[in-house]
Amino acid sequence: MPLSRFVAVATLALVSPWAAAQATDVNLARNLAATCANCHGTNGNVQGKDVKGLAGVPAANIIALMSAYKAGSIPNTTIMHQIAKGYTDDQIKLIAAYFAAQKPASR
């Protein structure tokens, strides 16, 4: 590892263990978002109309919804309450940023 990268990772580790983990795994957001593919489609491009696609949705919208599911403030009509509780707030931010950066498939 080049010294500059080592110093950056070491500095991040002092500030936040989570930030250090992000710096060492550039695929973390993609890997977390992949857990959503069963319902929301690959890269957030859902097939069908029963579930909302996530590709291109602003990160703030996804964060707000996931936080509401996690807190239980949205009526429990889906499995999203259980799923959202399985993620940390930092992981939700990564997932939201990943989907916001994806291009919606044209229909």
C-alpha atoms as a PDB file:
ATOM      1  CA  MET A   1       0.000   0.000   0.000  1.00  0.00           C
ATOM      2  CA  PRO A   2       1.472   3.406  -0.917  1.00  0.00           C
ATOM      3  CA  LEU A   3       2.343   5.569   2.068  1.00  0.00           C
ATOM      4  CA  SER A   4      -0.209   8.250   1.143  1.00  0.00           C
ATOM      5  CA  ARG A   5      -3.030   5.677   1.011  1.00  0.00           C
ATOM      6  CA  PHE A   6      -1.857   4.163   4.311  1.00  0.00           C
ATOM      7  CA  VAL A   7      -1.842   7.592   5.974  1.00  0.00           C
ATOM      8  CA  ALA A   8      -5.341   8.320   4.604  1.00  0.00           C
ATOM      9  CA  VAL A   9      -6.744   5.023   5.857  1.00  0.00           C
ATOM     10  CA  ALA A  10      -5.008   5.382   9.233  1.00  0.00           C
ATOM     11  CA  THR A  11      -6.390   8.915   9.594  1.00  0.00           C
ATOM     12  CA  LEU A  12      -9.894   7.733   8.727  1.00  0.00           C
ATOM     13  CA  ALA A  13      -9.561   4.926  11.259  1.00  0.00           C
ATOM     14  CA  LEU A  14      -8.910   7.487  13.968  1.00  0.00           C
ATOM     15  CA  VAL A  15     -11.966   9.478  12.938  1.00  0.00           C
ATOM     16  CA  SER A  16     -14.340   6.617  12.183  1.00  0.00           C
ATOM     17  CA  PRO A  17     -13.845   2.861  11.938  1.00  0.00           C
ATOM     18  CA  TRP A  18     -16.699   2.808   9.411  1.00  0.00           C
ATOM     19  CA  ALA A  19     -14.962   5.383   7.211  1.00  0.00           C
ATOM     20  CA  ALA A  20     -11.798   3.293   7.268  1.00  0.00           C
ATOM     21  CA  ALA A  21     -13.758   0.234   6.167  1.00  0.00           C
ATOM     22  CA  GLN A  22     -15.261   2.229   3.302  1.00  0.00           C
ATOM     23  CA  ALA A  23     -11.815   3.343   2.174  1.00  0.00           C
ATOM     24  CA  THR A  24     -10.591  -0.235   1.974  1.00  0.00           C
ATOM     25  CA  ASP A  25     -13.619  -1.716   0.146  1.00  0.00           C
ATOM     26  CA  VAL A  26     -14.691   0.306  -2.872  1.00  0.00           C
ATOM     27  CA  ASN A  27     -17.409  -2.241  -3.650  1.00  0.00           C
ATOM     28  CA  LEU A  28     -19.136  -2.026  -0.269  1.00  0.00           C
ATOM     29  CA  ALA A  29     -22.025   0.161  -1.445  1.00  0.00           C
ATOM     30  CA  ARG A  30     -22.665  -2.079  -4.459  1.00  0.00           C
ATOM     31  CA  ASN A  31     -22.546  -5.189  -2.281  1.00  0.00           C
ATOM     32  CA  LEU A  32     -25.005  -3.758   0.227  1.00  0.00           C
ATOM     33  CA  ALA A  33     -27.334  -2.570  -2.544  1.00  0.00           C
ATOM     34  CA  ALA A  34     -27.269  -6.032  -4.118  1.00  0.00           C
ATOM     35  CA  THR A  35     -29.337  -7.286  -1.181  1.00  0.00           C
ATOM     36  CA  CYS A  36     -32.229  -5.183  -2.529  1.00  0.00           C
ATOM     37  CA  ALA A  37     -32.194  -6.818  -5.983  1.00  0.00           C
ATOM     38  CA  ASN A  38     -34.716  -9.564  -5.188  1.00  0.00           C
ATOM     39  CA  CYS A  39     -37.505  -7.011  -4.918  1.00  0.00           C
ATOM     40  CA  HIS A  40     -36.167  -3.790  -6.468  1.00  0.00           C
ATOM     41  CA  GLY A  41     -34.264  -5.301  -9.404  1.00  0.00           C
ATOM     42  CA  THR A  42     -30.632  -5.348 -10.425  1.00  0.00           C
ATOM     43  CA  ASN A  43     -29.100  -1.921  -9.784  1.00  0.00           C
ATOM     44  CA  GLY A  44     -32.533  -0.714  -8.687  1.00  0.00           C
ATOM     45  CA  ASN A  45     -34.179  -1.332 -12.069  1.00  0.00           C
ATOM     46  CA  VAL A  46     -37.264  -3.311 -11.126  1.00  0.00           C
ATOM     47  CA  GLN A  47     -39.255  -5.459 -13.540  1.00  0.00           C
ATOM     48  CA  GLY A  48     -42.992  -5.053 -13.121  1.00  0.00           C
ATOM     49  CA  LYS A  49     -45.098  -2.511 -11.292  1.00  0.00           C
ATOM     50  CA  ASP A  50     -45.627  -3.953  -7.817  1.00  0.00           C
ATOM     51  CA  VAL A  51     -42.408  -2.576  -6.311  1.00  0.00           C
ATOM     52  CA  LYS A  52     -40.809   0.811  -6.855  1.00  0.00           C
ATOM     53  CA  GLY A  53     -37.502   0.937  -8.692  1.00  0.00           C
ATOM     54  CA  LEU A  54     -34.663   2.637  -6.825  1.00  0.00           C
ATOM     55  CA  ALA A  55     -32.356   3.580  -9.702  1.00  0.00           C
ATOM     56  CA  GLY A  56     -32.013   7.356  -9.932  1.00  0.00           C
ATOM     57  CA  VAL A  57     -34.071   8.068  -6.806  1.00  0.00           C
ATOM     58  CA  PRO A  58     -32.415  10.900  -4.847  1.00  0.00           C
ATOM     59  CA  ALA A  59     -30.361   9.581  -1.939  1.00  0.00           C
ATOM     60  CA  ALA A  60     -32.186  11.836   0.534  1.00  0.00           C
ATOM     61  CA  ASN A  61     -35.515  10.209  -0.421  1.00  0.00           C
ATOM     62  CA  ILE A  62     -34.157   6.694   0.086  1.00  0.00           C
ATOM     63  CA  ILE A  63     -32.549   7.652   3.400  1.00  0.00           C
ATOM     64  CA  ALA A  64     -35.801   9.212   4.621  1.00  0.00           C
ATOM     65  CA  LEU A  65     -37.854   6.138   3.684  1.00  0.00           C
ATOM     66  CA  MET A  66     -35.371   3.650   5.125  1.00  0.00           C
ATOM     67  CA  SER A  67     -35.167   5.677   8.337  1.00  0.00           C
ATOM     68  CA  ALA A  68     -38.957   5.739   8.583  1.00  0.00           C
ATOM     69  CA  TYR A  69     -39.144   1.984   8.035  1.00  0.00           C
ATOM     70  CA  LYS A  70     -36.389   1.457  10.592  1.00  0.00           C
ATOM     71  CA  ALA A  71     -38.205   3.622  13.152  1.00  0.00           C
ATOM     72  CA  GLY A  72     -41.540   1.932  12.428  1.00  0.00           C
ATOM     73  CA  SER A  73     -43.248   5.204  11.502  1.00  0.00           C
ATOM     74  CA  ILE A  74     -44.580   3.819   8.205  1.00  0.00           C
ATOM     75  CA  PRO A  75     -47.469   1.352   8.604  1.00  0.00           C
ATOM     76  CA  ASN A  76     -46.182  -2.208   8.500  1.00  0.00           C
ATOM     77  CA  THR A  77     -47.366  -3.496   5.137  1.00  0.00           C
ATOM     78  CA  THR A  78     -44.094  -4.952   3.794  1.00  0.00           C
ATOM     79  CA  ILE A  79     -40.963  -6.683   4.978  1.00  0.00           C
ATOM     80  CA  MET A  80     -39.071  -3.379   4.759  1.00  0.00           C
ATOM     81  CA  HIS A  81     -39.303  -2.794   8.519  1.00  0.00           C
ATOM     82  CA  GLN A  82     -37.256  -5.896   9.202  1.00  0.00           C
ATOM     83  CA  ILE A  83     -34.817  -5.211   6.392  1.00  0.00           C
ATOM     84  CA  ALA A  84     -34.211  -1.581   7.387  1.00  0.00           C
ATOM     85  CA  LYS A  85     -33.479  -2.540  10.989  1.00  0.00           C
ATOM     86  CA  GLY A  86     -30.654  -4.756   9.720  1.00  0.00           C
ATOM     87  CA  TYR A  87     -28.648  -1.791   8.415  1.00  0.00           C
ATOM     88  CA  THR A  88     -26.719   0.877  10.260  1.00  0.00           C
ATOM     89  CA  ASP A  89     -27.377   4.501   9.347  1.00  0.00           C
ATOM     90  CA  ASP A  90     -24.015   4.607   7.537  1.00  0.00           C
ATOM     91  CA  GLN A  91     -24.929   1.520   5.505  1.00  0.00           C
ATOM     92  CA  ILE A  92     -28.263   3.091   4.557  1.00  0.00           C
ATOM     93  CA  LYS A  93     -26.398   6.180   3.327  1.00  0.00           C
ATOM     94  CA  LEU A  94     -24.121   4.010   1.193  1.00  0.00           C
ATOM     95  CA  ILE A  95     -27.058   2.116  -0.289  1.00  0.00           C
ATOM     96  CA  ALA A  96     -28.932   5.356  -0.994  1.00  0.00           C
ATOM     97  CA  ALA A  97     -25.919   6.937  -2.698  1.00  0.00           C
ATOM     98  CA  TYR A  98     -25.414   3.834  -4.819  1.00  0.00           C
ATOM     99  CA  PHE A  99     -28.993   3.778  -6.083  1.00  0.00           C
ATOM    100  CA  ALA A 100     -29.072   7.548  -6.650  1.00  0.00           C
ATOM    101  CA  ALA A 101     -26.084   7.158  -8.985  1.00  0.00           C
ATOM    102  CA  GLN A 102     -27.745   4.431 -11.088  1.00  0.00           C
ATOM    103  CA  LYS A 103     -29.506   5.245 -14.346  1.00  0.00           C
ATOM    104  CA  PRO A 104     -33.141   4.149 -14.508  1.00  0.00           C
ATOM    105  CA  ALA A 105     -33.829   1.671 -17.308  1.00  0.00           C
ATOM    106  CA  SER A 106     -36.011   3.053 -20.054  1.00  0.00           C
ATOM    107  CA  ARG A 107     -39.376   1.359 -20.427  1.00  0.00           C
END
